[in-house]
Amino acid sequence: MFEVTEQYLDTASGFHVIKLRHGKTEHIVQIAVGHDTCPACGRVAPKDNLGELDPKAMVQGVQDDMNKSLQAQLAYAKKHGIPIR
């Protein structure tokens, strides 16, 4: 199942980066904590809702979804008798 292998705050991008891994498969969760930007002009707007963010809950949701996806893939391979790489 997918496990957290590394996490850090990237101050250059303003993201809390969380790496999940299962075997050779890696999934990266990025939570914007530095600032938001206007999609039209790119103007920076500092975030003011950081107290509302729950990274553990966000990561748990991603892990649950990735694990469900993995189980579905394994079931598909088993049903059709195909090898897994």
N, C-alpha and C. Protein backbone atom coordinates (compact mmCIF):
# COMPACT_ATOMS: atom_id res chain seq x y z
N MET A 1 0.82 -1.18 0.00
CA MET A 1 0.00 0.00 0.00
C MET A 1 0.88 1.26 0.00
N PHE A 2 0.31 2.37 -0.38
CA PHE A 2 1.06 3.62 -0.50
C PHE A 2 1.40 4.18 0.88
N GLU A 3 2.66 4.53 1.05
CA GLU A 3 3.18 5.08 2.31
C GLU A 3 3.89 6.39 2.04
N VAL A 4 3.88 7.29 3.03
CA VAL A 4 4.62 8.53 2.94
C VAL A 4 6.11 8.22 3.05
N THR A 5 6.89 8.66 2.07
CA THR A 5 8.33 8.41 2.09
C THR A 5 9.13 9.67 2.35
N GLU A 6 8.55 10.82 2.06
CA GLU A 6 9.27 12.07 2.25
C GLU A 6 8.26 13.21 2.24
N GLN A 7 8.55 14.25 3.01
CA GLN A 7 7.75 15.46 2.93
C GLN A 7 8.60 16.65 3.32
N TYR A 8 8.30 17.80 2.71
CA TYR A 8 9.06 19.02 2.98
C TYR A 8 8.26 20.23 2.52
N LEU A 9 8.66 21.40 3.00
CA LEU A 9 8.08 22.65 2.56
C LEU A 9 9.03 23.26 1.53
N ASP A 10 8.55 23.44 0.32
CA ASP A 10 9.34 24.05 -0.75
C ASP A 10 8.98 25.54 -0.78
N THR A 11 9.83 26.35 -0.16
CA THR A 11 9.52 27.78 -0.06
C THR A 11 9.61 28.49 -1.40
N ALA A 12 10.31 27.92 -2.37
CA ALA A 12 10.38 28.54 -3.69
C ALA A 12 9.03 28.49 -4.40
N SER A 13 8.31 27.38 -4.23
CA SER A 13 7.00 27.24 -4.88
C SER A 13 5.85 27.51 -3.92
N GLY A 14 6.12 27.45 -2.61
CA GLY A 14 5.06 27.64 -1.63
C GLY A 14 4.21 26.40 -1.40
N PHE A 15 4.78 25.22 -1.70
CA PHE A 15 4.03 23.98 -1.54
C PHE A 15 4.60 23.10 -0.42
N HIS A 16 3.71 22.48 0.33
CA HIS A 16 4.05 21.37 1.22
C HIS A 16 4.01 20.15 0.31
N VAL A 17 5.15 19.54 0.07
CA VAL A 17 5.27 18.41 -0.86
C VAL A 17 5.33 17.12 -0.06
N ILE A 18 4.47 16.18 -0.41
CA ILE A 18 4.40 14.89 0.29
C ILE A 18 4.51 13.79 -0.76
N LYS A 19 5.55 12.96 -0.64
CA LYS A 19 5.75 11.87 -1.59
C LYS A 19 5.24 10.57 -1.02
N LEU A 20 4.40 9.89 -1.80
CA LEU A 20 3.86 8.58 -1.44
C LEU A 20 4.48 7.56 -2.38
N ARG A 21 4.75 6.37 -1.88
CA ARG A 21 5.36 5.33 -2.72
C ARG A 21 4.77 3.97 -2.39
N HIS A 22 4.60 3.18 -3.47
CA HIS A 22 4.26 1.76 -3.36
C HIS A 22 5.10 1.07 -4.42
N GLY A 23 6.08 0.31 -3.99
CA GLY A 23 6.97 -0.34 -4.95
C GLY A 23 7.68 0.71 -5.79
N LYS A 24 7.54 0.60 -7.12
CA LYS A 24 8.16 1.56 -8.02
C LYS A 24 7.26 2.76 -8.31
N THR A 25 6.03 2.72 -7.84
CA THR A 25 5.07 3.78 -8.15
C THR A 25 5.15 4.89 -7.10
N GLU A 26 5.29 6.12 -7.58
CA GLU A 26 5.34 7.27 -6.69
C GLU A 26 4.20 8.23 -7.04
N HIS A 27 3.60 8.82 -6.03
CA HIS A 27 2.56 9.82 -6.21
C HIS A 27 2.94 11.01 -5.34
N ILE A 28 2.83 12.21 -5.88
CA ILE A 28 3.21 13.40 -5.13
C ILE A 28 1.99 14.25 -4.85
N VAL A 29 1.79 14.55 -3.56
CA VAL A 29 0.72 15.44 -3.12
C VAL A 29 1.35 16.80 -2.86
N GLN A 30 0.74 17.86 -3.39
CA GLN A 30 1.25 19.20 -3.17
C GLN A 30 0.13 20.06 -2.59
N ILE A 31 0.37 20.63 -1.43
CA ILE A 31 -0.61 21.49 -0.77
C ILE A 31 -0.07 22.91 -0.81
N ALA A 32 -0.79 23.81 -1.46
CA ALA A 32 -0.36 25.21 -1.57
C ALA A 32 -0.52 25.89 -0.21
N VAL A 33 0.61 26.30 0.37
CA VAL A 33 0.57 26.98 1.67
C VAL A 33 1.19 28.37 1.61
N GLY A 34 1.89 28.67 0.55
CA GLY A 34 2.57 29.96 0.47
C GLY A 34 1.65 31.07 -0.01
N HIS A 35 1.04 30.86 -1.16
CA HIS A 35 0.19 31.89 -1.73
C HIS A 35 -0.62 31.32 -2.89
N ASP A 36 -1.65 32.01 -3.23
CA ASP A 36 -2.42 31.72 -4.44
C ASP A 36 -2.04 32.79 -5.46
N THR A 37 -2.32 32.52 -6.72
CA THR A 37 -2.08 33.52 -7.74
C THR A 37 -3.32 33.69 -8.59
N CYS A 38 -3.49 34.88 -9.11
CA CYS A 38 -4.59 35.18 -10.01
C CYS A 38 -4.36 34.42 -11.32
N PRO A 39 -5.34 33.64 -11.79
CA PRO A 39 -5.14 32.89 -13.03
C PRO A 39 -4.98 33.80 -14.26
N ALA A 40 -5.46 35.02 -14.18
CA ALA A 40 -5.38 35.92 -15.33
C ALA A 40 -4.05 36.66 -15.40
N CYS A 41 -3.64 37.28 -14.26
CA CYS A 41 -2.44 38.12 -14.32
C CYS A 41 -1.27 37.58 -13.52
N GLY A 42 -1.49 36.57 -12.67
CA GLY A 42 -0.41 35.98 -11.91
C GLY A 42 -0.09 36.70 -10.61
N ARG A 43 -0.85 37.71 -10.24
CA ARG A 43 -0.60 38.46 -9.00
C ARG A 43 -0.70 37.53 -7.79
N VAL A 44 0.25 37.64 -6.88
CA VAL A 44 0.30 36.80 -5.69
C VAL A 44 -0.68 37.32 -4.64
N ALA A 45 -1.40 36.38 -4.01
CA ALA A 45 -2.28 36.70 -2.89
C ALA A 45 -1.91 35.76 -1.75
N PRO A 46 -1.33 36.29 -0.65
CA PRO A 46 -0.95 35.43 0.47
C PRO A 46 -2.15 34.64 1.00
N LYS A 47 -1.91 33.39 1.37
CA LYS A 47 -2.98 32.55 1.91
C LYS A 47 -3.25 32.94 3.35
N ASP A 48 -4.52 32.92 3.72
CA ASP A 48 -4.88 33.26 5.09
C ASP A 48 -5.72 32.17 5.76
N ASN A 49 -5.79 30.99 5.14
CA ASN A 49 -6.58 29.90 5.69
C ASN A 49 -5.73 28.71 6.13
N LEU A 50 -4.47 28.95 6.45
CA LEU A 50 -3.57 27.84 6.77
C LEU A 50 -4.02 27.06 8.00
N GLY A 51 -4.70 27.72 8.93
CA GLY A 51 -5.19 27.02 10.11
C GLY A 51 -6.26 25.99 9.78
N GLU A 52 -6.91 26.14 8.63
CA GLU A 52 -7.97 25.22 8.22
C GLU A 52 -7.44 23.98 7.52
N LEU A 53 -6.20 24.03 7.04
CA LEU A 53 -5.64 22.90 6.30
C LEU A 53 -5.29 21.75 7.23
N ASP A 54 -5.61 20.54 6.81
CA ASP A 54 -5.29 19.33 7.58
C ASP A 54 -4.53 18.37 6.67
N PRO A 55 -3.19 18.53 6.61
CA PRO A 55 -2.42 17.70 5.67
C PRO A 55 -2.54 16.21 5.93
N LYS A 56 -2.67 15.80 7.19
CA LYS A 56 -2.79 14.36 7.48
C LYS A 56 -4.07 13.80 6.86
N ALA A 57 -5.17 14.54 6.99
CA ALA A 57 -6.43 14.09 6.41
C ALA A 57 -6.37 14.09 4.89
N MET A 58 -5.72 15.11 4.31
CA MET A 58 -5.58 15.15 2.85
C MET A 58 -4.77 13.96 2.35
N VAL A 59 -3.65 13.68 3.00
CA VAL A 59 -2.80 12.56 2.60
C VAL A 59 -3.54 11.24 2.78
N GLN A 60 -4.28 11.09 3.87
CA GLN A 60 -5.04 9.86 4.09
C GLN A 60 -6.05 9.64 2.98
N GLY A 61 -6.72 10.70 2.55
CA GLY A 61 -7.67 10.58 1.45
C GLY A 61 -7.00 10.16 0.15
N VAL A 62 -5.84 10.74 -0.13
CA VAL A 62 -5.10 10.37 -1.34
C VAL A 62 -4.62 8.92 -1.23
N GLN A 63 -4.10 8.53 -0.07
CA GLN A 63 -3.65 7.15 0.12
C GLN A 63 -4.81 6.18 -0.09
N ASP A 64 -5.97 6.49 0.49
CA ASP A 64 -7.14 5.61 0.33
C ASP A 64 -7.50 5.46 -1.15
N ASP A 65 -7.52 6.58 -1.88
CA ASP A 65 -7.87 6.52 -3.30
C ASP A 65 -6.83 5.76 -4.11
N MET A 66 -5.55 6.01 -3.85
CA MET A 66 -4.49 5.31 -4.58
C MET A 66 -4.52 3.81 -4.28
N ASN A 67 -4.78 3.45 -3.03
CA ASN A 67 -4.85 2.03 -2.66
C ASN A 67 -6.05 1.35 -3.31
N LYS A 68 -7.20 2.04 -3.40
CA LYS A 68 -8.38 1.49 -4.09
C LYS A 68 -8.07 1.26 -5.56
N SER A 69 -7.38 2.23 -6.16
CA SER A 69 -7.01 2.11 -7.56
C SER A 69 -6.07 0.92 -7.77
N LEU A 70 -5.10 0.78 -6.88
CA LEU A 70 -4.16 -0.34 -6.97
C LEU A 70 -4.89 -1.67 -6.84
N GLN A 71 -5.80 -1.78 -5.89
CA GLN A 71 -6.55 -3.03 -5.70
C GLN A 71 -7.38 -3.36 -6.94
N ALA A 72 -7.97 -2.34 -7.56
CA ALA A 72 -8.76 -2.56 -8.77
C ALA A 72 -7.86 -3.06 -9.91
N GLN A 73 -6.67 -2.49 -10.02
CA GLN A 73 -5.74 -2.93 -11.06
C GLN A 73 -5.32 -4.38 -10.84
N LEU A 74 -5.02 -4.73 -9.59
CA LEU A 74 -4.60 -6.10 -9.28
C LEU A 74 -5.73 -7.08 -9.55
N ALA A 75 -6.95 -6.70 -9.22
CA ALA A 75 -8.10 -7.56 -9.49
C ALA A 75 -8.30 -7.75 -11.00
N TYR A 76 -8.11 -6.70 -11.76
CA TYR A 76 -8.21 -6.78 -13.21
C TYR A 76 -7.18 -7.75 -13.78
N ALA A 77 -5.95 -7.62 -13.32
CA ALA A 77 -4.87 -8.50 -13.79
C ALA A 77 -5.17 -9.96 -13.45
N LYS A 78 -5.66 -10.17 -12.23
CA LYS A 78 -5.99 -11.54 -11.81
C LYS A 78 -7.12 -12.11 -12.65
N LYS A 79 -8.15 -11.32 -12.88
CA LYS A 79 -9.31 -11.77 -13.64
C LYS A 79 -8.92 -12.17 -15.07
N HIS A 80 -8.02 -11.42 -15.67
CA HIS A 80 -7.66 -11.65 -17.04
C HIS A 80 -6.36 -12.45 -17.20
N GLY A 81 -5.78 -12.87 -16.07
CA GLY A 81 -4.61 -13.73 -16.11
C GLY A 81 -3.40 -13.07 -16.76
N ILE A 82 -3.21 -11.80 -16.51
CA ILE A 82 -2.08 -11.11 -17.10
C ILE A 82 -1.02 -10.80 -16.02
N PRO A 83 0.25 -10.79 -16.41
CA PRO A 83 1.31 -10.54 -15.43
C PRO A 83 1.32 -9.08 -14.95
N ILE A 84 1.86 -8.89 -13.77
CA ILE A 84 1.96 -7.56 -13.17
C ILE A 84 3.42 -7.15 -13.16
N ARG A 85 3.70 -5.94 -13.58
CA ARG A 85 5.07 -5.41 -13.56
C ARG A 85 5.15 -4.23 -12.63
